[in-house]
Amino acid sequence: MNTLYQETIGEGDRHLVLLHGWGLNVEVWRYTAERLAPQFCLHLIDLPGYGRSEGFGAMTLEEMAETVLAVMPPKASLMGWSLGGLVASQIALSAPQRVEKLITVASSPCFTAHEDWPGIRPDVLQGFQHQLSEDFQRTVERFLALQTLGSDSARQDARLLKSIVLNLPMPPADVLNGGLEILRTADLRQPMTQLTLPILRIYGALDGLVPRKVVPLLDVLLPDSRSEVIEKAAHAPFISHPDAFCELAGQFLMSE
């Protein structure tokens, strides 16, 4: 039977599950985890088919959420980056009694741009899906480079992300394709209005994948949630601005 790779670190009695983004694995959280470990018990999970969670094929968002839910602690807060933010949000919708607080990082309930909604143009995501079948590794590298564009440390951050991918087995093409399909089609905007748990949304001001124009729209849609924009950060604010990021996340998680 396929099982998810999970590692647990940290001292605290509050449980926090960390979910990574498309194409990556738990190693992306390494520096974040070191900073948060004194306060929290952290559960770093490789999403199905990514990193060391091998043997899985393409999944829907609901299937991915269900698979992660099966290995989570009975009650925990969730922090999801990008695609991981969608998975974390879907878990909160599927099993609200299991989730204490939700942090989404450089994520959106709807990644695809619509007439009245800023996001990634559908043809860009379709282009990535097409390119995956032609030049697998280069497509992943291009997507990673997009995630750091604009920040002062873009080159260094892109190198770090690339090393995190290349140090572990590359996800199969169907898993990567399935992830892009989730980013292209998922729309949790209306379902998320039903959530009553505390929500913190963290963004990078220079993010090219989740534009900051989405922030005020979600402030209106989810009035009880809190949003924070890290200036000079792009799509990976926890890598480019680790101290500011961990301070925001830690304060929110420790607050009553």
Protein backbone atom coordinates (compact mmCIF):
# COMPACT_ATOMS: atom_id res chain seq x y z
CA MET A 1 0.00 0.00 0.00
CA ASN A 2 1.22 3.49 -0.82
CA THR A 3 2.00 5.63 2.21
CA LEU A 4 2.86 9.29 2.49
CA TYR A 5 6.32 10.32 3.66
CA GLN A 6 6.06 12.27 6.88
CA GLU A 7 8.55 13.53 9.43
CA THR A 8 7.79 15.08 12.79
CA ILE A 9 10.05 17.61 14.50
CA GLY A 10 9.67 20.18 17.25
CA GLU A 11 8.93 20.60 20.92
CA GLY A 12 5.55 22.29 21.24
CA ASP A 13 2.22 20.73 22.13
CA ARG A 14 0.48 22.54 19.25
CA HIS A 15 0.49 20.49 16.05
CA LEU A 16 1.19 22.15 12.69
CA VAL A 17 1.06 20.31 9.34
CA LEU A 18 3.15 21.86 6.52
CA LEU A 19 2.20 21.21 2.89
CA HIS A 20 4.52 22.18 0.00
CA GLY A 21 3.76 23.41 -3.51
CA TRP A 22 3.75 21.94 -7.03
CA GLY A 23 6.86 20.01 -8.10
CA LEU A 24 8.55 20.25 -4.68
CA ASN A 25 8.75 18.31 -1.40
CA VAL A 26 9.07 18.79 2.38
CA GLU A 27 12.67 20.04 2.11
CA VAL A 28 11.30 23.41 0.98
CA TRP A 29 10.20 23.96 4.61
CA ARG A 30 13.57 23.11 6.19
CA TYR A 31 14.54 26.64 7.29
CA THR A 32 10.98 27.48 8.32
CA ALA A 33 10.81 24.31 10.40
CA GLU A 34 14.06 25.11 12.22
CA ARG A 35 12.61 28.47 13.28
CA LEU A 36 9.19 27.14 14.34
CA ALA A 37 10.32 23.87 15.97
CA PRO A 38 10.89 25.38 19.46
CA GLN A 39 7.20 26.42 19.62
CA PHE A 40 5.36 23.73 17.66
CA CYS A 41 5.22 20.02 16.86
CA LEU A 42 5.66 20.13 13.08
CA HIS A 43 4.48 17.46 10.65
CA LEU A 44 6.21 17.80 7.26
CA ILE A 45 4.35 15.77 4.64
CA ASP A 46 5.33 15.04 1.03
CA LEU A 47 2.14 15.32 -1.03
CA PRO A 48 1.10 12.10 -2.86
CA GLY A 49 3.54 11.39 -5.70
CA TYR A 50 6.02 14.08 -4.65
CA GLY A 51 9.40 13.69 -2.92
CA ARG A 52 9.46 10.45 -0.93
CA SER A 53 5.70 9.81 -1.18
CA GLU A 54 6.18 7.53 -4.16
CA GLY A 55 3.79 5.13 -5.87
CA PHE A 56 0.88 7.54 -6.31
CA GLY A 57 -0.63 8.65 -9.61
CA ALA A 58 -2.48 11.83 -10.56
CA MET A 59 -5.17 12.82 -8.08
CA THR A 60 -8.04 15.26 -7.81
CA LEU A 61 -7.86 17.95 -5.13
CA GLU A 62 -10.39 16.04 -3.01
CA GLU A 63 -8.40 12.78 -3.27
CA MET A 64 -5.17 14.56 -2.33
CA ALA A 65 -6.84 16.17 0.70
CA GLU A 66 -8.31 12.82 1.78
CA THR A 67 -4.90 11.11 1.52
CA VAL A 68 -3.19 13.77 3.67
CA LEU A 69 -6.07 13.78 6.17
CA ALA A 70 -5.55 10.05 6.74
CA VAL A 71 -2.01 10.57 8.14
CA MET A 72 -2.54 13.89 9.97
CA PRO A 73 -2.77 14.21 13.76
CA PRO A 74 -6.40 14.11 15.03
CA LYS A 75 -6.34 17.90 15.52
CA ALA A 76 -3.80 20.29 13.96
CA SER A 77 -3.32 23.64 12.30
CA LEU A 78 -2.43 23.61 8.59
CA MET A 79 0.05 25.71 6.63
CA GLY A 80 -0.01 25.21 2.86
CA TRP A 81 2.07 26.95 0.22
CA SER A 82 0.72 27.48 -3.31
CA LEU A 83 -0.83 24.13 -4.39
CA GLY A 84 -0.41 23.03 -0.75
CA GLY A 85 -2.63 25.96 0.23
CA LEU A 86 -5.42 24.55 -1.93
CA VAL A 87 -4.94 21.10 -0.36
CA ALA A 88 -4.96 22.60 3.16
CA SER A 89 -8.12 24.59 2.35
CA GLN A 90 -9.83 21.48 0.97
CA ILE A 91 -8.93 19.55 4.16
CA ALA A 92 -10.47 22.35 6.25
CA LEU A 93 -13.63 22.12 4.13
CA SER A 94 -13.78 18.30 4.26
CA ALA A 95 -13.02 17.91 7.97
CA PRO A 96 -13.35 21.26 9.79
CA GLN A 97 -13.42 19.47 13.16
CA ARG A 98 -9.83 18.28 12.54
CA VAL A 99 -8.37 21.74 11.77
CA GLU A 100 -7.61 24.38 14.41
CA LYS A 101 -6.24 27.17 12.20
CA LEU A 102 -5.39 27.59 8.52
CA ILE A 103 -2.49 29.49 6.97
CA THR A 104 -2.32 29.78 3.20
CA VAL A 105 0.97 31.04 1.74
CA ALA A 106 1.17 32.60 -1.75
CA SER A 107 -1.98 30.68 -2.53
CA SER A 108 -5.41 31.39 -3.94
CA PRO A 109 -8.73 29.54 -3.80
CA CYS A 110 -8.75 30.06 -7.59
CA PHE A 111 -5.36 30.23 -9.34
CA THR A 112 -6.73 30.72 -12.85
CA ALA A 113 -7.52 34.22 -14.06
CA HIS A 114 -11.17 34.98 -14.92
CA GLU A 115 -12.78 38.13 -16.21
CA ASP A 116 -13.23 39.54 -12.69
CA TRP A 117 -10.46 37.59 -10.97
CA PRO A 118 -6.66 38.07 -11.17
CA GLY A 119 -4.56 34.93 -11.55
CA ILE A 120 -2.54 32.84 -14.00
CA ARG A 121 -3.81 32.94 -17.58
CA PRO A 122 -5.35 29.53 -18.45
CA ASP A 123 -3.20 29.28 -21.61
CA VAL A 124 -0.02 29.63 -19.48
CA LEU A 125 -0.99 26.62 -17.34
CA GLN A 126 -2.03 24.66 -20.44
CA GLY A 127 1.33 25.56 -21.98
CA PHE A 128 3.15 24.11 -18.99
CA GLN A 129 1.07 20.94 -19.26
CA HIS A 130 1.98 20.62 -22.93
CA GLN A 131 5.68 21.33 -22.32
CA LEU A 132 5.83 18.73 -19.52
CA SER A 133 5.36 15.98 -22.09
CA GLU A 134 8.14 17.40 -24.28
CA ASP A 135 10.87 18.54 -21.89
CA PHE A 136 10.04 17.43 -18.40
CA GLN A 137 12.98 18.78 -16.37
CA ARG A 138 13.24 22.14 -18.18
CA THR A 139 9.52 22.79 -17.64
CA VAL A 140 9.84 22.19 -13.89
CA GLU A 141 12.91 24.46 -13.74
CA ARG A 142 11.07 27.23 -15.64
CA PHE A 143 8.14 27.02 -13.24
CA LEU A 144 10.50 27.24 -10.24
CA ALA A 145 12.24 30.29 -11.74
CA LEU A 146 8.83 31.98 -12.13
CA GLN A 147 8.23 31.54 -8.39
CA THR A 148 11.15 33.74 -7.34
CA LEU A 149 11.04 36.42 -10.07
CA GLY A 150 11.09 39.94 -8.68
CA SER A 151 12.50 39.38 -5.20
CA ASP A 152 15.96 40.80 -4.36
CA SER A 153 17.25 37.28 -3.72
CA ALA A 154 15.59 35.75 -6.83
CA ARG A 155 18.67 34.01 -8.23
CA GLN A 156 19.72 32.53 -4.91
CA ASP A 157 16.11 31.47 -4.09
CA ALA A 158 15.70 29.81 -7.51
CA ARG A 159 18.92 27.86 -6.96
CA LEU A 160 17.68 26.68 -3.58
CA LEU A 161 14.31 25.55 -4.98
CA LYS A 162 16.04 23.74 -7.85
CA SER A 163 18.38 21.89 -5.46
CA ILE A 164 15.37 20.84 -3.32
CA VAL A 165 13.75 19.27 -6.40
CA LEU A 166 16.89 17.64 -7.79
CA ASN A 167 18.03 16.13 -4.48
CA LEU A 168 15.01 13.82 -4.34
CA PRO A 169 13.28 11.66 -6.97
CA MET A 170 11.46 13.80 -9.55
CA PRO A 171 7.65 13.31 -9.38
CA PRO A 172 6.23 11.28 -12.29
CA ALA A 173 4.87 13.30 -15.21
CA ASP A 174 1.26 12.25 -14.55
CA VAL A 175 1.52 13.51 -10.93
CA LEU A 176 2.91 16.87 -12.09
CA ASN A 177 0.26 17.07 -14.78
CA GLY A 178 -2.45 16.29 -12.23
CA GLY A 179 -1.12 19.09 -10.01
CA LEU A 180 -1.26 21.59 -12.88
CA GLU A 181 -4.80 20.42 -13.64
CA ILE A 182 -5.80 21.20 -10.03
CA LEU A 183 -4.22 24.67 -10.31
CA ARG A 184 -6.04 25.20 -13.62
CA THR A 185 -9.52 24.03 -12.57
CA ALA A 186 -9.96 24.31 -8.78
CA ASP A 187 -12.21 27.08 -7.49
CA LEU A 188 -12.82 27.13 -3.74
CA ARG A 189 -13.93 30.78 -3.55
CA GLN A 190 -17.55 30.10 -2.57
CA PRO A 191 -16.93 26.95 -0.46
CA MET A 192 -14.36 28.84 1.65
CA THR A 193 -16.97 31.41 2.69
CA GLN A 194 -18.46 28.62 4.86
CA LEU A 195 -15.30 28.19 6.96
CA THR A 196 -15.48 29.52 10.52
CA LEU A 197 -11.95 28.67 11.72
CA PRO A 198 -9.21 31.35 12.03
CA ILE A 199 -7.48 31.94 8.66
CA LEU A 200 -4.25 33.82 7.90
CA ARG A 201 -3.35 34.50 4.26
CA ILE A 202 0.28 35.47 3.57
CA TYR A 203 1.34 36.90 0.19
CA GLY A 204 4.42 38.19 -1.59
CA ALA A 205 3.94 41.69 -3.00
CA LEU A 206 5.86 40.76 -6.18
CA ASP A 207 4.26 37.34 -6.73
CA GLY A 208 3.76 36.67 -10.45
CA LEU A 209 1.54 33.60 -9.89
CA VAL A 210 -0.80 34.90 -7.18
CA PRO A 211 -0.99 38.65 -7.91
CA ARG A 212 -1.49 40.99 -4.96
CA LYS A 213 -4.67 42.29 -6.63
CA VAL A 214 -6.30 39.11 -5.30
CA VAL A 215 -5.76 40.23 -1.68
CA PRO A 216 -8.50 42.90 -1.38
CA LEU A 217 -10.96 40.66 -3.25
CA LEU A 218 -10.42 37.88 -0.71
CA ASP A 219 -10.55 40.40 2.16
CA VAL A 220 -14.13 41.06 1.03
CA LEU A 221 -14.99 37.43 0.28
CA LEU A 222 -13.51 36.12 3.57
CA PRO A 223 -14.00 39.08 5.94
CA ASP A 224 -13.11 37.10 9.07
CA SER A 225 -9.73 36.03 7.65
CA ARG A 226 -6.55 38.08 8.00
CA SER A 227 -4.19 38.98 5.15
CA GLU A 228 -0.51 39.97 5.30
CA VAL A 229 1.59 41.05 2.32
CA ILE A 230 5.39 40.75 2.60
CA GLU A 231 6.94 43.56 0.54
CA LYS A 232 9.78 42.62 -1.85
CA ALA A 233 8.80 38.93 -1.62
CA ALA A 234 7.64 36.89 -4.63
CA HIS A 235 5.95 33.46 -4.64
CA ALA A 236 8.16 31.95 -1.90
CA PRO A 237 8.09 34.53 0.95
CA PHE A 238 9.18 31.99 3.56
CA ILE A 239 12.43 31.47 1.61
CA SER A 240 13.21 35.10 0.71
CA HIS A 241 12.03 36.62 4.04
CA PRO A 242 12.19 33.80 6.60
CA ASP A 243 12.26 35.94 9.75
CA ALA A 244 9.31 38.15 8.81
CA PHE A 245 7.39 35.11 7.60
CA CYS A 246 7.96 33.00 10.73
CA GLU A 247 7.08 35.92 12.99
CA LEU A 248 3.71 36.36 11.23
CA ALA A 249 2.95 32.64 11.25
CA GLY A 250 4.13 32.08 14.84
CA GLN A 251 2.13 34.98 16.29
CA PHE A 252 -1.03 33.88 14.51
CA LEU A 253 -0.68 30.25 15.61
CA MET A 254 0.07 31.16 19.24
CA SER A 255 -2.79 33.66 19.53
CA GLU A 256 -5.97 32.52 21.25
